[in-house]
Amino acid sequence: MAFFDFKGKQVYYEAIGEGKPILILNGIMMSTASWGIFVEAFSKNNKLILVDFLDQGKSEKLEGLDYDQGLQSELILELLKELSMDKINIVGISYGGEVAQRFAIENPDIVERLLLFNTTSKTGPWLRDIGEGWNLSIDNPMNYYLTTIPVIYSPGFYEKNQQWMEGRKKILTAGPFNDKEFLKAMVRLTRSAENHDTEKELHKIKCPTLIVGGEEDYLTPLREQRILKDRIPNSELVILSGCGHASMYEKPSLFISLVLGFVNNV
């Protein structure tokens, strides 16, 4: 557990274990704490690196500043310098997958293998309006929950795990979704993705790439992962049956197997 300075801001990260490094990049509402159930598996034979983007978790907030995901990509480069690493395997989910694409395009010689879960190459009008809907609901914790959370999960998972979902609702609406500073940061993070567009540059990604989509992902639908597959040269697409946007939580064992198998396979 440590911090490093990036452009005068403190960025929080964790580096656990030894072996071939795996850097995981958070989804938009996530933090390093979100990966707790995976730490043991990913650090047993690998070096697991977790990081909070600016405006996430324990990293500093960018109150009053406008930025785009290019800033988060720069942050990753500085983190690798902090760790004295010249090669990295990156797992990016959703927002983190967007940053991972940008980083792999700009630093093709650094990324050894790339894994993109439930992510897109472009924020089009449809996804942009979904994000704006999130931002417009920040004045009420329950409105924010109902606007953001149900669509993250597949209907089957949501209904099968109703007790767990109700617990999440209580925790989130009483905690982060009732925290004005958290919500302001979420607005900035959401807006930082509004101009995301790597479609015309995806051919610059040179490393082996695994793309994973959920059959019932209604936030970044399968058509988005198929675009990634068509445009990233050395890539494979895996489709998870009956799975929504939060694939790591709906299919945790499969998530672990895909990551470790793809990263460690020689």
Foldseek 3Di string as FASTA:
>chain_A
DDWDADPNWTKDKDKAAAAAEEEEFDALQDAQVVCVVPCCLQRVHHIYMGIAFALGDPIHHDPPDAAALVSSLVVVVVVCVVVVAQAHEYEYAALRLLSVLVNCLVRQRHYAEYEYALYFQFQDPVLLVLLVCLLVQLVALLSNCVSPPPLQWFPVVCVVPVVVVVVVSVPRSVPQSVDPSSSVSSNSSSVSRNGRHCLVRLCSNDHEYEYEYECSAPNRHPVRSVSSVVRNDRYDYDYHYRTYRPRCVVPVVVVSCVVCCVSVPD
